[in-house]
Each structure stands twice: as C-alpha cells, then as structure tokens.
C-alpha cells in the first residue's frame, strides 16, 4: 500500500538475513514481491536479497515471484570477503547472481571501496560479476558505522570512482553508478 500511496515508479525491497528460517525468508520475499506487483503493476520492483545460503528451492521461490531486478551485493573483493563478510562466501554470491541471470533476470551487485583493496582486485571483481551475467553495478565509498566496525583504510577520489565507472561500462555492464556516496539501492 505504501508503494501505491507514494506512487513510486521504482522500489527497492530489502531485509536482514533470515538464516533462522528453514527457507531463509524466501517465502516472505516472494509474497511481498507478488503483493507489491499486484497493487502496483507499473512499478519496477527491485529486490536486494541475501544469498539464501545458495538454497535452490529458496531461489526458485524468488524466480516464481518475478521481480524486475534481483540484486545481491558482493560488498568487497574476494581477498577481503572473509574479513568483511564473515558469514558470506564470495563464490556462493557469484553463483546466486549467475542463477538469476541464467533465468533471464536483470541482476545487480554492489561493492564498497576503501577497505584496503587494490585496483587489480576491483578489476577482478568487476570481471567476475560480468562472467556470471551481472548487468548493473554500484560502487561506493565504505564508511565505518562505528569504531567497532572494520576500519576505513582509504578514501577513494571522485576521479578514481569515475575511472571504475568507465571500466565497468567497457566490461559490458549496462549501468554503473560509481562515486563516494553511491549505495547499493541506487
């Protein structure tokens, strides 16, 4: 109803991981997508999902609900994934994106910079995303929410973000949003 009241043309739906549920929350995702689309048939429905621990049945529920864009963030480069995303697996995330891409969905991912990655690693993650058919990419500056979180290693210049945007487009992404304040919901 909120999407309808606000007359949204594009909505991004996300949630916390529900690893505590047998289907990892996939049924709730599917029902939400279906209801939003039913009440708002002209609205583009983008979802930003967890990896559902790679569970194919859970991913099938998402496929059946037919969102317009399926996003799952890698968040960082392969070498930093264990430090930054302790519960995530880089290759499992790529497989999730590949599964939806193979089904014909528009897929999207996002990464943060400033965690200590190298330019070569950023190029590698972009190539990895394209290799699984990822269509859209967001690149933003990591900002630590508190001193208890992973520390910022570097502030990336706006010029470097622009260079990454151009590299992404050259790799074949349909759209790349890349600047310090870009977030995955762009």
N, C-alpha and C. Protein backbone atom coordinates (compact mmCIF):
# COMPACT_ATOMS: atom_id res chain seq x y z
N UNK A 1 0.82 -1.20 0.00
CA UNK A 1 0.00 0.00 0.00
C UNK A 1 0.85 1.26 0.00
N UNK A 2 1.95 1.22 0.70
CA UNK A 2 2.83 2.39 0.75
C UNK A 2 3.37 2.73 -0.63
N UNK A 3 3.78 1.73 -1.39
CA UNK A 3 4.28 1.96 -2.75
C UNK A 3 3.19 2.66 -3.57
N UNK A 4 1.96 2.22 -3.40
CA UNK A 4 0.84 2.79 -4.12
C UNK A 4 0.56 4.22 -3.67
N UNK A 5 0.52 4.43 -2.38
CA UNK A 5 0.24 5.77 -1.83
C UNK A 5 1.29 6.78 -2.29
N UNK A 6 2.54 6.35 -2.29
CA UNK A 6 3.64 7.24 -2.69
C UNK A 6 3.82 7.31 -4.20
N UNK A 7 3.04 6.49 -4.93
CA UNK A 7 3.11 6.47 -6.40
C UNK A 7 4.55 6.24 -6.89
N UNK A 8 5.22 5.28 -6.26
CA UNK A 8 6.60 5.00 -6.61
C UNK A 8 6.69 4.33 -7.98
N UNK A 9 7.63 4.77 -8.78
CA UNK A 9 7.87 4.16 -10.09
C UNK A 9 8.87 3.02 -9.98
N UNK A 10 9.71 3.07 -8.94
CA UNK A 10 10.76 2.07 -8.73
C UNK A 10 10.90 1.90 -7.22
N UNK A 11 10.86 0.67 -6.76
CA UNK A 11 11.02 0.41 -5.34
C UNK A 11 12.12 -0.63 -5.14
N UNK A 12 12.95 -0.43 -4.11
CA UNK A 12 13.96 -1.40 -3.73
C UNK A 12 13.53 -1.99 -2.40
N UNK A 13 13.35 -3.30 -2.39
CA UNK A 13 12.92 -4.01 -1.18
C UNK A 13 14.10 -4.82 -0.66
N UNK A 14 14.38 -4.66 0.61
CA UNK A 14 15.49 -5.41 1.22
C UNK A 14 15.09 -5.80 2.64
N UNK A 15 15.91 -6.61 3.26
CA UNK A 15 15.67 -7.01 4.64
C UNK A 15 16.97 -7.56 5.23
N UNK A 16 16.92 -7.83 6.49
CA UNK A 16 18.04 -8.52 7.14
C UNK A 16 18.02 -9.98 6.71
N UNK A 17 19.15 -10.67 6.85
CA UNK A 17 19.19 -12.11 6.58
C UNK A 17 18.26 -12.83 7.54
N UNK A 18 17.59 -13.87 7.05
CA UNK A 18 16.74 -14.69 7.90
C UNK A 18 17.25 -16.12 7.90
N UNK A 19 18.51 -16.26 8.31
CA UNK A 19 19.13 -17.58 8.37
C UNK A 19 18.50 -18.47 9.43
N UNK A 20 17.64 -17.87 10.26
CA UNK A 20 16.96 -18.63 11.30
C UNK A 20 15.73 -19.39 10.79
N UNK A 21 15.32 -19.12 9.55
CA UNK A 21 14.14 -19.76 8.98
C UNK A 21 14.55 -20.87 8.01
N UNK A 22 13.76 -21.94 7.92
CA UNK A 22 14.13 -23.05 7.02
C UNK A 22 14.31 -22.63 5.56
N UNK A 23 13.50 -21.67 5.10
CA UNK A 23 13.62 -21.22 3.70
C UNK A 23 14.40 -19.92 3.59
N UNK A 24 15.02 -19.50 4.71
CA UNK A 24 15.83 -18.28 4.77
C UNK A 24 15.01 -17.03 4.46
N UNK A 25 13.70 -17.13 4.64
CA UNK A 25 12.81 -16.00 4.41
C UNK A 25 12.31 -15.88 2.99
N UNK A 26 12.63 -16.83 2.12
CA UNK A 26 12.29 -16.73 0.70
C UNK A 26 10.78 -16.64 0.46
N UNK A 27 10.00 -17.37 1.22
CA UNK A 27 8.55 -17.31 1.02
C UNK A 27 8.02 -15.91 1.32
N UNK A 28 8.52 -15.31 2.36
CA UNK A 28 8.10 -13.95 2.70
C UNK A 28 8.52 -12.98 1.58
N UNK A 29 9.73 -13.14 1.06
CA UNK A 29 10.18 -12.33 -0.06
C UNK A 29 9.21 -12.47 -1.23
N UNK A 30 8.92 -13.73 -1.59
CA UNK A 30 8.06 -14.00 -2.74
C UNK A 30 6.68 -13.36 -2.55
N UNK A 31 6.09 -13.53 -1.39
CA UNK A 31 4.76 -12.96 -1.12
C UNK A 31 4.79 -11.43 -1.20
N UNK A 32 5.86 -10.84 -0.70
CA UNK A 32 5.99 -9.37 -0.75
C UNK A 32 6.08 -8.89 -2.19
N UNK A 33 6.91 -9.55 -2.98
CA UNK A 33 7.05 -9.17 -4.40
C UNK A 33 5.70 -9.28 -5.11
N UNK A 34 5.02 -10.39 -4.92
CA UNK A 34 3.73 -10.63 -5.59
C UNK A 34 2.71 -9.57 -5.19
N UNK A 35 2.63 -9.25 -3.92
CA UNK A 35 1.64 -8.27 -3.45
C UNK A 35 1.97 -6.86 -3.95
N UNK A 36 3.25 -6.49 -3.93
CA UNK A 36 3.63 -5.17 -4.42
C UNK A 36 3.29 -5.05 -5.90
N UNK A 37 3.61 -6.09 -6.67
CA UNK A 37 3.34 -6.06 -8.11
C UNK A 37 1.84 -6.08 -8.40
N UNK A 38 1.08 -6.78 -7.58
CA UNK A 38 -0.37 -6.85 -7.77
C UNK A 38 -1.01 -5.48 -7.59
N UNK A 39 -0.59 -4.77 -6.56
CA UNK A 39 -1.15 -3.45 -6.28
C UNK A 39 -0.53 -2.33 -7.12
N UNK A 40 0.64 -2.60 -7.69
CA UNK A 40 1.41 -1.56 -8.40
C UNK A 40 2.02 -2.15 -9.67
N UNK A 41 1.19 -2.54 -10.63
CA UNK A 41 1.71 -3.25 -11.81
C UNK A 41 2.69 -2.44 -12.65
N UNK A 42 2.68 -1.13 -12.54
CA UNK A 42 3.61 -0.30 -13.34
C UNK A 42 4.93 -0.04 -12.62
N UNK A 43 5.00 -0.38 -11.35
CA UNK A 43 6.20 -0.11 -10.55
C UNK A 43 7.27 -1.16 -10.80
N UNK A 44 8.50 -0.71 -11.02
CA UNK A 44 9.63 -1.63 -11.13
C UNK A 44 9.97 -2.10 -9.72
N UNK A 45 9.99 -3.41 -9.54
CA UNK A 45 10.29 -4.00 -8.24
C UNK A 45 11.70 -4.59 -8.27
N UNK A 46 12.58 -3.94 -7.52
CA UNK A 46 13.95 -4.40 -7.35
C UNK A 46 14.07 -4.97 -5.96
N UNK A 47 14.72 -6.12 -5.85
CA UNK A 47 14.94 -6.71 -4.53
C UNK A 47 16.44 -6.82 -4.28
N UNK A 48 16.83 -6.58 -3.05
CA UNK A 48 18.22 -6.73 -2.63
C UNK A 48 18.22 -7.86 -1.60
N UNK A 49 18.63 -9.03 -2.06
CA UNK A 49 18.44 -10.26 -1.28
C UNK A 49 19.73 -10.77 -0.64
N UNK A 50 19.58 -11.62 0.38
CA UNK A 50 20.74 -12.35 0.91
C UNK A 50 21.05 -13.51 -0.04
N UNK A 51 22.01 -14.33 0.31
CA UNK A 51 22.38 -15.44 -0.57
C UNK A 51 21.52 -16.69 -0.37
N UNK A 52 20.60 -16.67 0.59
CA UNK A 52 19.76 -17.83 0.90
C UNK A 52 20.61 -19.09 1.08
N UNK A 53 21.88 -18.88 1.46
CA UNK A 53 22.87 -19.94 1.63
C UNK A 53 22.95 -20.83 0.40
N UNK A 54 22.64 -20.25 -0.76
CA UNK A 54 22.72 -20.98 -2.01
C UNK A 54 21.61 -21.99 -2.23
N UNK A 55 20.59 -21.97 -1.38
CA UNK A 55 19.50 -22.94 -1.46
C UNK A 55 18.65 -22.72 -2.71
N UNK A 56 18.65 -23.72 -3.60
CA UNK A 56 17.96 -23.59 -4.88
C UNK A 56 16.45 -23.47 -4.73
N UNK A 57 15.86 -24.17 -3.78
CA UNK A 57 14.41 -24.07 -3.57
C UNK A 57 14.02 -22.65 -3.15
N UNK A 58 14.81 -22.05 -2.31
CA UNK A 58 14.55 -20.68 -1.89
C UNK A 58 14.68 -19.72 -3.07
N UNK A 59 15.70 -19.92 -3.88
CA UNK A 59 15.88 -19.07 -5.05
C UNK A 59 14.75 -19.28 -6.06
N UNK A 60 14.24 -20.49 -6.16
CA UNK A 60 13.10 -20.76 -7.05
C UNK A 60 11.87 -19.96 -6.64
N UNK A 61 11.66 -19.81 -5.34
CA UNK A 61 10.51 -19.00 -4.87
C UNK A 61 10.64 -17.56 -5.36
N UNK A 62 11.85 -17.05 -5.35
CA UNK A 62 12.09 -15.69 -5.84
C UNK A 62 11.83 -15.62 -7.34
N UNK A 63 12.35 -16.59 -8.07
CA UNK A 63 12.16 -16.63 -9.53
C UNK A 63 10.67 -16.63 -9.88
N UNK A 64 9.89 -17.45 -9.18
CA UNK A 64 8.45 -17.56 -9.45
C UNK A 64 7.71 -16.26 -9.17
N UNK A 65 8.21 -15.43 -8.26
CA UNK A 65 7.55 -14.17 -7.92
C UNK A 65 7.82 -13.09 -8.98
N UNK A 66 8.82 -13.29 -9.80
CA UNK A 66 9.14 -12.42 -10.93
C UNK A 66 9.41 -10.94 -10.61
N UNK A 67 10.39 -10.68 -9.74
CA UNK A 67 10.79 -9.29 -9.56
C UNK A 67 11.43 -8.78 -10.85
N UNK A 68 11.53 -7.47 -11.00
CA UNK A 68 12.11 -6.90 -12.21
C UNK A 68 13.64 -6.90 -12.17
N UNK A 69 14.21 -6.67 -10.99
CA UNK A 69 15.66 -6.63 -10.82
C UNK A 69 15.99 -7.41 -9.54
N UNK A 70 16.99 -8.28 -9.64
CA UNK A 70 17.43 -9.04 -8.47
C UNK A 70 18.86 -8.62 -8.15
N UNK A 71 19.04 -8.04 -6.98
CA UNK A 71 20.35 -7.58 -6.54
C UNK A 71 20.85 -8.42 -5.38
N UNK A 72 22.12 -8.71 -5.42
CA UNK A 72 22.81 -9.37 -4.31
C UNK A 72 24.23 -8.81 -4.31
N UNK A 73 24.62 -8.20 -3.22
CA UNK A 73 25.89 -7.48 -3.16
C UNK A 73 27.06 -8.38 -2.78
N UNK A 74 28.15 -8.24 -3.55
CA UNK A 74 29.41 -8.87 -3.16
C UNK A 74 30.06 -8.08 -2.04
N UNK A 75 29.79 -6.80 -1.97
CA UNK A 75 30.27 -5.87 -0.95
C UNK A 75 31.74 -5.50 -1.07
N UNK A 76 32.59 -6.48 -1.38
CA UNK A 76 34.03 -6.22 -1.44
C UNK A 76 34.71 -7.21 -2.37
N UNK A 77 36.00 -7.11 -2.48
CA UNK A 77 36.79 -8.00 -3.33
C UNK A 77 36.96 -9.36 -2.66
N UNK A 78 37.37 -10.33 -3.46
CA UNK A 78 37.48 -11.73 -2.98
C UNK A 78 38.38 -11.85 -1.75
N UNK A 79 39.56 -11.23 -1.79
CA UNK A 79 40.52 -11.40 -0.69
C UNK A 79 40.03 -10.83 0.63
N UNK A 80 39.16 -9.81 0.58
CA UNK A 80 38.68 -9.19 1.81
C UNK A 80 37.36 -9.78 2.31
N UNK A 81 36.72 -10.61 1.51
CA UNK A 81 35.42 -11.15 1.89
C UNK A 81 35.43 -11.83 3.26
N UNK A 82 36.39 -12.70 3.56
CA UNK A 82 36.35 -13.35 4.89
C UNK A 82 36.47 -12.37 6.06
N UNK A 83 37.17 -11.26 5.85
CA UNK A 83 37.34 -10.28 6.92
C UNK A 83 36.13 -9.36 7.05
N UNK A 84 35.54 -9.01 5.92
CA UNK A 84 34.46 -8.01 5.90
C UNK A 84 33.08 -8.66 5.99
N UNK A 85 32.94 -9.84 5.41
CA UNK A 85 31.65 -10.55 5.37
C UNK A 85 31.86 -11.95 5.93
N UNK A 86 32.01 -12.06 7.21
CA UNK A 86 32.41 -13.32 7.84
C UNK A 86 31.48 -14.49 7.55
N UNK A 87 30.21 -14.24 7.31
CA UNK A 87 29.26 -15.33 7.05
C UNK A 87 29.06 -15.58 5.56
N UNK A 88 29.67 -14.77 4.72
CA UNK A 88 29.44 -14.86 3.28
C UNK A 88 30.55 -15.63 2.59
N UNK A 89 30.23 -16.12 1.41
CA UNK A 89 31.20 -16.80 0.56
C UNK A 89 31.18 -16.13 -0.81
N UNK A 90 32.30 -15.61 -1.23
CA UNK A 90 32.41 -14.87 -2.49
C UNK A 90 31.84 -15.68 -3.66
N UNK A 91 32.25 -16.94 -3.76
CA UNK A 91 31.82 -17.76 -4.89
C UNK A 91 30.35 -18.14 -4.80
N UNK A 92 29.84 -18.31 -3.60
CA UNK A 92 28.41 -18.59 -3.45
C UNK A 92 27.60 -17.38 -3.91
N UNK A 93 28.06 -16.19 -3.58
CA UNK A 93 27.37 -14.98 -4.02
C UNK A 93 27.38 -14.87 -5.55
N UNK A 94 28.50 -15.20 -6.17
CA UNK A 94 28.55 -15.20 -7.63
C UNK A 94 27.58 -16.23 -8.22
N UNK A 95 27.50 -17.38 -7.57
CA UNK A 95 26.59 -18.43 -8.05
C UNK A 95 25.14 -17.97 -7.95
N UNK A 96 24.80 -17.29 -6.87
CA UNK A 96 23.43 -16.77 -6.71
C UNK A 96 23.10 -15.82 -7.86
N UNK A 97 23.99 -14.89 -8.14
CA UNK A 97 23.77 -13.96 -9.24
C UNK A 97 23.67 -14.69 -10.57
N UNK A 98 24.53 -15.69 -10.78
CA UNK A 98 24.52 -16.45 -12.01
C UNK A 98 23.20 -17.21 -12.19
N UNK A 99 22.68 -17.77 -11.10
CA UNK A 99 21.42 -18.50 -11.16
C UNK A 99 20.31 -17.60 -11.70
N UNK A 100 20.20 -16.40 -11.17
CA UNK A 100 19.13 -15.49 -11.60
C UNK A 100 19.40 -14.94 -12.99
N UNK A 101 20.65 -14.69 -13.32
CA UNK A 101 21.00 -14.21 -14.66
C UNK A 101 20.64 -15.27 -15.70
N UNK A 102 20.96 -16.53 -15.41
CA UNK A 102 20.64 -17.62 -16.32
C UNK A 102 19.13 -17.78 -16.54
N UNK A 103 18.34 -17.34 -15.56
CA UNK A 103 16.88 -17.39 -15.67
C UNK A 103 16.33 -16.20 -16.44
N UNK A 104 17.22 -15.29 -16.86
CA UNK A 104 16.80 -14.15 -17.67
C UNK A 104 16.48 -12.89 -16.89
N UNK A 105 16.77 -12.88 -15.61
CA UNK A 105 16.51 -11.69 -14.78
C UNK A 105 17.63 -10.66 -14.93
N UNK A 106 17.27 -9.40 -14.79
CA UNK A 106 18.26 -8.33 -14.69
C UNK A 106 18.88 -8.46 -13.31
N UNK A 107 20.21 -8.56 -13.25
CA UNK A 107 20.87 -8.72 -11.95
C UNK A 107 21.79 -7.53 -11.67
N UNK A 108 22.00 -7.34 -10.38
CA UNK A 108 22.73 -6.16 -9.92
C UNK A 108 23.56 -6.55 -8.70
N UNK A 109 24.71 -5.92 -8.56
CA UNK A 109 25.53 -6.13 -7.36
C UNK A 109 26.20 -4.82 -7.00
N UNK A 110 26.73 -4.77 -5.79
CA UNK A 110 27.40 -3.57 -5.33
C UNK A 110 28.64 -3.91 -4.53
N UNK A 111 29.63 -3.02 -4.63
CA UNK A 111 30.84 -3.15 -3.82
C UNK A 111 31.15 -1.81 -3.17
N UNK A 112 31.90 -1.90 -2.08
CA UNK A 112 32.38 -0.71 -1.37
C UNK A 112 33.90 -0.65 -1.53
N UNK A 113 34.40 0.55 -1.66
CA UNK A 113 35.85 0.74 -1.76
C UNK A 113 36.37 1.46 -0.52
N UNK A 114 37.67 1.31 -0.30
CA UNK A 114 38.30 1.95 0.85
C UNK A 114 38.56 0.99 1.98
N UNK A 115 38.44 -0.32 1.69
CA UNK A 115 38.65 -1.35 2.69
C UNK A 115 40.07 -1.93 2.65
N UNK A 116 40.86 -1.48 1.66
CA UNK A 116 42.21 -1.99 1.50
C UNK A 116 42.40 -2.78 0.22
N UNK A 117 41.42 -2.74 -0.66
CA UNK A 117 41.51 -3.45 -1.93
C UNK A 117 42.48 -2.73 -2.88
N UNK A 118 42.98 -3.48 -3.85
CA UNK A 118 43.84 -2.89 -4.87
C UNK A 118 43.02 -2.64 -6.14
N UNK A 119 43.57 -1.82 -7.04
CA UNK A 119 42.89 -1.58 -8.32
C UNK A 119 42.71 -2.88 -9.09
N UNK A 120 43.72 -3.74 -9.04
CA UNK A 120 43.64 -5.04 -9.74
C UNK A 120 42.51 -5.89 -9.16
N UNK A 121 42.33 -5.84 -7.85
CA UNK A 121 41.25 -6.62 -7.23
C UNK A 121 39.88 -6.06 -7.61
N UNK A 122 39.76 -4.76 -7.74
CA UNK A 122 38.50 -4.17 -8.17
C UNK A 122 38.21 -4.60 -9.61
N UNK A 123 39.23 -4.60 -10.46
CA UNK A 123 39.05 -5.06 -11.83
C UNK A 123 38.63 -6.53 -11.85
N UNK A 124 39.22 -7.33 -10.96
CA UNK A 124 38.88 -8.75 -10.88
C UNK A 124 37.42 -8.96 -10.46
N UNK A 125 36.96 -8.23 -9.46
CA UNK A 125 35.57 -8.42 -9.02
C UNK A 125 34.60 -7.97 -10.11
N UNK A 126 34.94 -6.91 -10.83
CA UNK A 126 34.07 -6.49 -11.93
C UNK A 126 34.03 -7.57 -13.02
N UNK A 127 35.18 -8.14 -13.35
CA UNK A 127 35.22 -9.21 -14.36
C UNK A 127 34.45 -10.44 -13.87
N UNK A 128 34.60 -10.78 -12.59
CA UNK A 128 33.86 -11.92 -12.04
C UNK A 128 32.35 -11.69 -12.14
N UNK A 129 31.91 -10.48 -11.83
CA UNK A 129 30.48 -10.18 -11.92
C UNK A 129 29.97 -10.27 -13.35
N UNK A 130 30.74 -9.76 -14.28
CA UNK A 130 30.32 -9.86 -15.69
C UNK A 130 30.31 -11.31 -16.15
N UNK A 131 31.24 -12.13 -15.63
CA UNK A 131 31.31 -13.53 -16.06
C UNK A 131 30.08 -14.33 -15.66
N UNK A 132 29.34 -13.84 -14.65
CA UNK A 132 28.10 -14.52 -14.24
C UNK A 132 26.87 -13.77 -14.74
N UNK A 133 27.09 -12.83 -15.65
CA UNK A 133 25.97 -12.14 -16.29
C UNK A 133 25.39 -10.97 -15.53
N UNK A 134 26.10 -10.48 -14.53
CA UNK A 134 25.59 -9.33 -13.76
C UNK A 134 25.48 -8.12 -14.69
N UNK A 135 24.32 -7.45 -14.66
CA UNK A 135 24.02 -6.35 -15.57
C UNK A 135 24.33 -4.96 -15.02
N UNK A 136 24.10 -4.77 -13.73
CA UNK A 136 24.17 -3.44 -13.12
C UNK A 136 25.14 -3.49 -11.94
N UNK A 137 25.86 -2.39 -11.72
CA UNK A 137 26.87 -2.35 -10.66
C UNK A 137 26.85 -1.02 -9.94
N UNK A 138 26.93 -1.08 -8.62
CA UNK A 138 27.12 0.13 -7.82
C UNK A 138 28.47 0.03 -7.11
N UNK A 139 29.17 1.15 -7.06
CA UNK A 139 30.46 1.23 -6.37
C UNK A 139 30.44 2.48 -5.51
N UNK A 140 30.63 2.31 -4.22
CA UNK A 140 30.62 3.44 -3.29
C UNK A 140 31.76 3.38 -2.29
N UNK A 141 31.91 4.45 -1.55
CA UNK A 141 32.94 4.54 -0.50
C UNK A 141 32.45 3.84 0.76
N UNK A 142 33.27 2.98 1.32
CA UNK A 142 32.95 2.37 2.61
C UNK A 142 33.08 3.42 3.70
N UNK A 143 32.11 3.48 4.56
CA UNK A 143 32.14 4.34 5.73
C UNK A 143 31.82 3.49 6.96
N UNK A 144 32.75 3.37 7.86
CA UNK A 144 32.56 2.53 9.04
C UNK A 144 31.45 3.11 9.92
N UNK A 145 30.44 2.31 10.26
CA UNK A 145 29.34 2.81 11.09
C UNK A 145 29.77 3.19 12.51
N UNK A 146 30.84 2.56 12.99
CA UNK A 146 31.34 2.89 14.33
C UNK A 146 32.80 2.48 14.41
N UNK A 147 33.45 2.82 15.50
CA UNK A 147 34.85 2.43 15.69
C UNK A 147 34.99 0.93 15.91
N UNK A 148 33.90 0.25 16.23
CA UNK A 148 33.93 -1.19 16.43
C UNK A 148 33.87 -1.96 15.11
N UNK A 149 33.53 -1.29 14.03
CA UNK A 149 33.42 -1.93 12.72
C UNK A 149 34.77 -1.94 12.00
N UNK A 150 34.81 -2.66 10.91
CA UNK A 150 36.01 -2.73 10.09
C UNK A 150 36.47 -1.31 9.76
N UNK A 151 37.75 -1.02 9.92
CA UNK A 151 38.22 0.36 9.72
C UNK A 151 38.33 0.76 8.25
N UNK A 152 38.17 2.03 8.00
CA UNK A 152 38.40 2.58 6.67
C UNK A 152 39.91 2.62 6.46
N UNK A 153 40.33 2.09 5.33
CA UNK A 153 41.77 2.08 5.01
C UNK A 153 42.15 3.25 4.11
N UNK A 154 41.16 3.72 3.31
CA UNK A 154 41.47 4.76 2.33
C UNK A 154 40.20 5.44 1.86
N UNK A 155 40.30 6.72 1.59
CA UNK A 155 39.22 7.44 0.92
C UNK A 155 39.57 7.51 -0.55
N UNK A 156 38.68 7.04 -1.38
CA UNK A 156 38.89 6.97 -2.83
C UNK A 156 38.49 8.30 -3.44
N UNK A 157 39.27 8.78 -4.40
CA UNK A 157 38.97 10.07 -5.03
C UNK A 157 37.79 9.95 -5.99
N UNK A 158 37.06 11.04 -6.18
CA UNK A 158 35.98 11.03 -7.19
C UNK A 158 36.50 10.64 -8.58
N UNK A 159 37.72 11.04 -8.90
CA UNK A 159 38.30 10.70 -10.19
C UNK A 159 38.49 9.19 -10.34
N UNK A 160 38.93 8.55 -9.28
CA UNK A 160 39.11 7.09 -9.31
C UNK A 160 37.75 6.39 -9.46
N UNK A 161 36.74 6.90 -8.77
CA UNK A 161 35.40 6.32 -8.93
C UNK A 161 34.93 6.44 -10.38
N UNK A 162 35.20 7.56 -11.01
CA UNK A 162 34.81 7.75 -12.41
C UNK A 162 35.56 6.78 -13.32
N UNK A 163 36.83 6.55 -13.03
CA UNK A 163 37.60 5.58 -13.81
C UNK A 163 37.00 4.18 -13.69
N UNK A 164 36.59 3.81 -12.48
CA UNK A 164 35.95 2.50 -12.29
C UNK A 164 34.62 2.42 -13.04
N UNK A 165 33.88 3.52 -13.06
CA UNK A 165 32.61 3.54 -13.79
C UNK A 165 32.85 3.26 -15.27
N UNK A 166 33.83 3.94 -15.83
CA UNK A 166 34.15 3.76 -17.25
C UNK A 166 34.63 2.33 -17.52
N UNK A 167 35.49 1.79 -16.65
CA UNK A 167 35.97 0.41 -16.80
C UNK A 167 34.80 -0.56 -16.77
N UNK A 168 33.86 -0.32 -15.86
CA UNK A 168 32.69 -1.20 -15.77
C UNK A 168 31.86 -1.18 -17.04
N UNK A 169 31.64 0.01 -17.57
CA UNK A 169 30.89 0.11 -18.83
C UNK A 169 31.64 -0.58 -19.96
N UNK A 170 32.97 -0.41 -19.99
CA UNK A 170 33.78 -1.07 -21.01
C UNK A 170 33.71 -2.59 -20.90
N UNK A 171 33.52 -3.10 -19.68
CA UNK A 171 33.38 -4.55 -19.47
C UNK A 171 32.02 -5.07 -19.91
N UNK A 172 31.06 -4.17 -20.09
CA UNK A 172 29.76 -4.60 -20.57
C UNK A 172 28.60 -4.44 -19.60
N UNK A 173 28.85 -3.85 -18.43
CA UNK A 173 27.72 -3.56 -17.54
C UNK A 173 26.79 -2.60 -18.26
N UNK A 174 25.49 -2.78 -18.11
CA UNK A 174 24.52 -1.89 -18.74
C UNK A 174 24.48 -0.54 -18.05
N UNK A 175 24.80 -0.52 -16.75
CA UNK A 175 24.80 0.71 -15.98
C UNK A 175 25.74 0.53 -14.81
N UNK A 176 26.52 1.57 -14.52
CA UNK A 176 27.42 1.58 -13.37
C UNK A 176 27.25 2.92 -12.66
N UNK A 177 26.85 2.88 -11.39
CA UNK A 177 26.83 4.07 -10.55
C UNK A 177 28.07 3.98 -9.66
N UNK A 178 28.96 4.95 -9.77
CA UNK A 178 30.23 4.88 -9.06
C UNK A 178 30.64 6.27 -8.60
N UNK A 179 30.53 6.48 -7.30
CA UNK A 179 31.00 7.72 -6.69
C UNK A 179 31.01 7.51 -5.17
N UNK A 180 31.64 8.40 -4.43
CA UNK A 180 31.76 8.18 -2.99
C UNK A 180 30.44 7.94 -2.26
N UNK A 181 29.39 8.61 -2.65
CA UNK A 181 28.13 8.48 -1.90
C UNK A 181 27.15 7.48 -2.51
N UNK A 182 27.55 6.75 -3.54
CA UNK A 182 26.68 5.73 -4.12
C UNK A 182 26.47 4.60 -3.12
N UNK A 183 25.23 4.15 -3.05
CA UNK A 183 24.88 2.99 -2.22
C UNK A 183 24.15 1.99 -3.11
N UNK A 184 24.05 0.77 -2.64
CA UNK A 184 23.52 -0.32 -3.48
C UNK A 184 22.07 -0.11 -3.90
N UNK A 185 21.34 0.75 -3.24
CA UNK A 185 19.95 0.98 -3.63
C UNK A 185 19.82 1.99 -4.77
N UNK A 186 20.94 2.52 -5.28
CA UNK A 186 20.89 3.41 -6.43
C UNK A 186 20.38 2.65 -7.62
